Amino acid sequence: MNKEIVSTSDAPSAIGPYSQAVKTGLVVFTSGQIGLDPASGELRQDFEQQVRQAFKNLAAVARASGGSLANAVKFTLFLTDLGQFAKANAIMGEVVPKPYPARSTVGVASLPRGAQFEVEAILVL
């Protein structure tokens, strides 16, 4: 198996022993992205700002892999408050082109850095 590590300074650096994404053939597996500003390393405070920044970070990783969010075949969303799902859903509808990929949404107790939202993807280029 040919495995290529994907990395970009346009998204936050990994905060642990993992890569931003791994590409094998035409398939890209991304690590989760939270609403960290890649320049400052600061977490956006507002839920909607976190969601937008997380998708922006994910898009940067997708570009670094040779693709875009249009190449996503599966998203997994993690929310610390499922009551915010409608907001996350609306933002995803704005930033992800149709036809929409498959998606799972998971309610979690906590996320790294106190984030309220995280998103990961599988892309096929």
C-alpha atoms as a PDB file:
ATOM      1  CA  MET A   1       0.000   0.000   0.000  1.00  0.00           C
ATOM      2  CA  ASN A   2       1.291   3.418  -0.973  1.00  0.00           C
ATOM      3  CA  LYS A   3       0.582   5.880   1.842  1.00  0.00           C
ATOM      4  CA  GLU A   4       1.176   9.632   1.451  1.00  0.00           C
ATOM      5  CA  ILE A   5       0.982  12.024   4.398  1.00  0.00           C
ATOM      6  CA  VAL A   6      -0.906  15.238   3.629  1.00  0.00           C
ATOM      7  CA  SER A   7       0.066  18.421   5.443  1.00  0.00           C
ATOM      8  CA  THR A   8      -0.646  22.117   5.005  1.00  0.00           C
ATOM      9  CA  SER A   9       0.082  25.266   7.000  1.00  0.00           C
ATOM     10  CA  ASP A  10      -3.367  26.541   5.915  1.00  0.00           C
ATOM     11  CA  ALA A  11      -4.928  24.313   8.606  1.00  0.00           C
ATOM     12  CA  PRO A  12      -3.905  23.879  12.248  1.00  0.00           C
ATOM     13  CA  SER A  13      -0.965  21.590  12.888  1.00  0.00           C
ATOM     14  CA  ALA A  14      -1.712  18.254  14.481  1.00  0.00           C
ATOM     15  CA  ILE A  15      -1.852  18.525  18.279  1.00  0.00           C
ATOM     16  CA  GLY A  16      -0.831  14.928  18.799  1.00  0.00           C
ATOM     17  CA  PRO A  17       0.838  11.974  17.112  1.00  0.00           C
ATOM     18  CA  TYR A  18      -1.248  12.002  13.918  1.00  0.00           C
ATOM     19  CA  SER A  19      -1.320  13.545  10.444  1.00  0.00           C
ATOM     20  CA  GLN A  20      -3.774  16.069   9.033  1.00  0.00           C
ATOM     21  CA  ALA A  21      -4.661  13.467   6.407  1.00  0.00           C
ATOM     22  CA  VAL A  22      -3.427  10.277   4.794  1.00  0.00           C
ATOM     23  CA  LYS A  23      -3.813   9.651   1.071  1.00  0.00           C
ATOM     24  CA  THR A  24      -3.716   6.151  -0.334  1.00  0.00           C
ATOM     25  CA  GLY A  25      -4.354   5.946  -4.062  1.00  0.00           C
ATOM     26  CA  LEU A  26      -7.403   8.081  -4.769  1.00  0.00           C
ATOM     27  CA  VAL A  27      -8.774   7.912  -1.210  1.00  0.00           C
ATOM     28  CA  VAL A  28      -7.991  10.522   1.445  1.00  0.00           C
ATOM     29  CA  PHE A  29      -8.777  10.037   5.133  1.00  0.00           C
ATOM     30  CA  THR A  30      -8.710  13.305   7.072  1.00  0.00           C
ATOM     31  CA  SER A  31      -8.209  13.779  10.757  1.00  0.00           C
ATOM     32  CA  GLY A  32     -10.835  15.773  12.587  1.00  0.00           C
ATOM     33  CA  GLN A  33     -10.731  19.545  12.319  1.00  0.00           C
ATOM     34  CA  ILE A  34     -11.967  21.897  15.009  1.00  0.00           C
ATOM     35  CA  GLY A  35     -12.446  25.658  14.806  1.00  0.00           C
ATOM     36  CA  LEU A  36      -8.828  26.615  15.470  1.00  0.00           C
ATOM     37  CA  ASP A  37      -7.471  29.564  13.540  1.00  0.00           C
ATOM     38  CA  PRO A  38      -4.325  28.178  11.845  1.00  0.00           C
ATOM     39  CA  ALA A  39      -2.483  31.508  12.093  1.00  0.00           C
ATOM     40  CA  SER A  40      -3.081  32.264  15.771  1.00  0.00           C
ATOM     41  CA  GLY A  41      -3.835  28.783  17.114  1.00  0.00           C
ATOM     42  CA  GLU A  42      -6.837  30.274  18.916  1.00  0.00           C
ATOM     43  CA  LEU A  43     -10.202  28.529  19.083  1.00  0.00           C
ATOM     44  CA  ARG A  44     -13.140  30.532  17.754  1.00  0.00           C
ATOM     45  CA  GLN A  45     -15.548  31.191  20.618  1.00  0.00           C
ATOM     46  CA  ASP A  46     -18.965  31.209  18.944  1.00  0.00           C
ATOM     47  CA  PHE A  47     -20.434  27.842  17.835  1.00  0.00           C
ATOM     48  CA  GLU A  48     -21.195  29.029  14.308  1.00  0.00           C
ATOM     49  CA  GLN A  49     -17.694  30.524  13.961  1.00  0.00           C
ATOM     50  CA  GLN A  50     -16.219  27.197  15.115  1.00  0.00           C
ATOM     51  CA  VAL A  51     -18.229  25.282  12.518  1.00  0.00           C
ATOM     52  CA  ARG A  52     -17.229  27.650   9.703  1.00  0.00           C
ATOM     53  CA  GLN A  53     -13.557  27.583  10.715  1.00  0.00           C
ATOM     54  CA  ALA A  54     -13.536  23.789  11.049  1.00  0.00           C
ATOM     55  CA  PHE A  55     -14.921  23.407   7.506  1.00  0.00           C
ATOM     56  CA  LYS A  56     -12.432  26.028   6.275  1.00  0.00           C
ATOM     57  CA  ASN A  57      -9.612  24.007   7.857  1.00  0.00           C
ATOM     58  CA  LEU A  58     -10.976  20.787   6.346  1.00  0.00           C
ATOM     59  CA  ALA A  59     -11.167  22.444   2.919  1.00  0.00           C
ATOM     60  CA  ALA A  60      -7.498  23.459   3.231  1.00  0.00           C
ATOM     61  CA  VAL A  61      -6.503  19.859   3.996  1.00  0.00           C
ATOM     62  CA  ALA A  62      -8.632  18.663   1.065  1.00  0.00           C
ATOM     63  CA  ARG A  63      -6.842  21.143  -1.255  1.00  0.00           C
ATOM     64  CA  ALA A  64      -3.462  19.961   0.023  1.00  0.00           C
ATOM     65  CA  SER A  65      -4.455  16.414  -0.916  1.00  0.00           C
ATOM     66  CA  GLY A  66      -5.336  17.501  -4.461  1.00  0.00           C
ATOM     67  CA  GLY A  67      -9.086  17.725  -3.929  1.00  0.00           C
ATOM     68  CA  SER A  68     -11.841  19.813  -2.408  1.00  0.00           C
ATOM     69  CA  LEU A  69     -14.908  19.370  -0.240  1.00  0.00           C
ATOM     70  CA  ALA A  70     -16.708  18.373  -3.449  1.00  0.00           C
ATOM     71  CA  ASN A  71     -14.653  15.142  -3.317  1.00  0.00           C
ATOM     72  CA  ALA A  72     -16.055  14.175   0.085  1.00  0.00           C
ATOM     73  CA  VAL A  73     -17.964  10.904   0.124  1.00  0.00           C
ATOM     74  CA  LYS A  74     -18.437  10.779   3.922  1.00  0.00           C
ATOM     75  CA  PHE A  75     -18.392  13.319   6.741  1.00  0.00           C
ATOM     76  CA  THR A  76     -18.534  12.628  10.434  1.00  0.00           C
ATOM     77  CA  LEU A  77     -19.652  15.550  12.604  1.00  0.00           C
ATOM     78  CA  PHE A  78     -19.034  15.636  16.352  1.00  0.00           C
ATOM     79  CA  LEU A  79     -21.050  18.056  18.503  1.00  0.00           C
ATOM     80  CA  THR A  80     -20.902  18.589  22.251  1.00  0.00           C
ATOM     81  CA  ASP A  81     -24.496  19.885  22.110  1.00  0.00           C
ATOM     82  CA  LEU A  82     -26.839  18.158  19.668  1.00  0.00           C
ATOM     83  CA  GLY A  83     -29.207  21.072  20.223  1.00  0.00           C
ATOM     84  CA  GLN A  84     -26.864  22.987  17.879  1.00  0.00           C
ATOM     85  CA  PHE A  85     -27.324  20.437  15.085  1.00  0.00           C
ATOM     86  CA  ALA A  86     -29.618  22.657  12.976  1.00  0.00           C
ATOM     87  CA  LYS A  87     -26.954  25.401  12.895  1.00  0.00           C
ATOM     88  CA  ALA A  88     -24.201  22.965  11.902  1.00  0.00           C
ATOM     89  CA  ASN A  89     -26.476  21.430   9.265  1.00  0.00           C
ATOM     90  CA  ALA A  90     -27.295  24.832   7.751  1.00  0.00           C
ATOM     91  CA  ILE A  91     -23.619  25.829   7.564  1.00  0.00           C
ATOM     92  CA  MET A  92     -22.683  22.498   6.002  1.00  0.00           C
ATOM     93  CA  GLY A  93     -25.373  23.109   3.378  1.00  0.00           C
ATOM     94  CA  GLU A  94     -23.703  26.439   2.553  1.00  0.00           C
ATOM     95  CA  VAL A  95     -20.090  25.275   2.333  1.00  0.00           C
ATOM     96  CA  VAL A  96     -20.409  21.781   0.848  1.00  0.00           C
ATOM     97  CA  PRO A  97     -21.508  21.525  -2.788  1.00  0.00           C
ATOM     98  CA  LYS A  98     -24.288  19.217  -3.946  1.00  0.00           C
ATOM     99  CA  PRO A  99     -24.658  16.324  -4.307  1.00  0.00           C
ATOM    100  CA  TYR A 100     -24.071  15.975  -0.579  1.00  0.00           C
ATOM    101  CA  PRO A 101     -21.955  13.110   0.723  1.00  0.00           C
ATOM    102  CA  ALA A 102     -23.000  10.555   3.313  1.00  0.00           C
ATOM    103  CA  ARG A 103     -22.813  11.857   6.887  1.00  0.00           C
ATOM    104  CA  SER A 104     -22.966  10.743  10.479  1.00  0.00           C
ATOM    105  CA  THR A 105     -23.468  13.076  13.432  1.00  0.00           C
ATOM    106  CA  VAL A 106     -22.340  12.069  16.881  1.00  0.00           C
ATOM    107  CA  GLY A 107     -23.019  13.757  20.216  1.00  0.00           C
ATOM    108  CA  VAL A 108     -19.922  13.709  22.415  1.00  0.00           C
ATOM    109  CA  ALA A 109     -19.145  14.774  25.982  1.00  0.00           C
ATOM    110  CA  SER A 110     -16.090  16.831  25.035  1.00  0.00           C
ATOM    111  CA  LEU A 111     -13.655  17.648  22.246  1.00  0.00           C
ATOM    112  CA  PRO A 112     -10.006  18.787  22.174  1.00  0.00           C
ATOM    113  CA  ARG A 113      -9.283  22.305  23.390  1.00  0.00           C
ATOM    114  CA  GLY A 114     -12.867  22.706  24.606  1.00  0.00           C
ATOM    115  CA  ALA A 115     -14.210  22.833  21.047  1.00  0.00           C
ATOM    116  CA  GLN A 116     -17.940  22.483  20.485  1.00  0.00           C
ATOM    117  CA  PHE A 117     -17.657  21.018  16.966  1.00  0.00           C
ATOM    118  CA  GLU A 118     -15.343  18.761  14.973  1.00  0.00           C
ATOM    119  CA  VAL A 119     -15.568  17.393  11.427  1.00  0.00           C
ATOM    120  CA  GLU A 120     -13.652  14.672   9.584  1.00  0.00           C
ATOM    121  CA  ALA A 121     -14.013  13.378   6.044  1.00  0.00           C
ATOM    122  CA  ILE A 122     -13.228  10.665   3.581  1.00  0.00           C
ATOM    123  CA  LEU A 123     -12.506  11.988   0.086  1.00  0.00           C
ATOM    124  CA  VAL A 124     -12.266  10.174  -3.220  1.00  0.00           C
ATOM    125  CA  LEU A 125     -10.256  12.131  -5.788  1.00  0.00           C
END
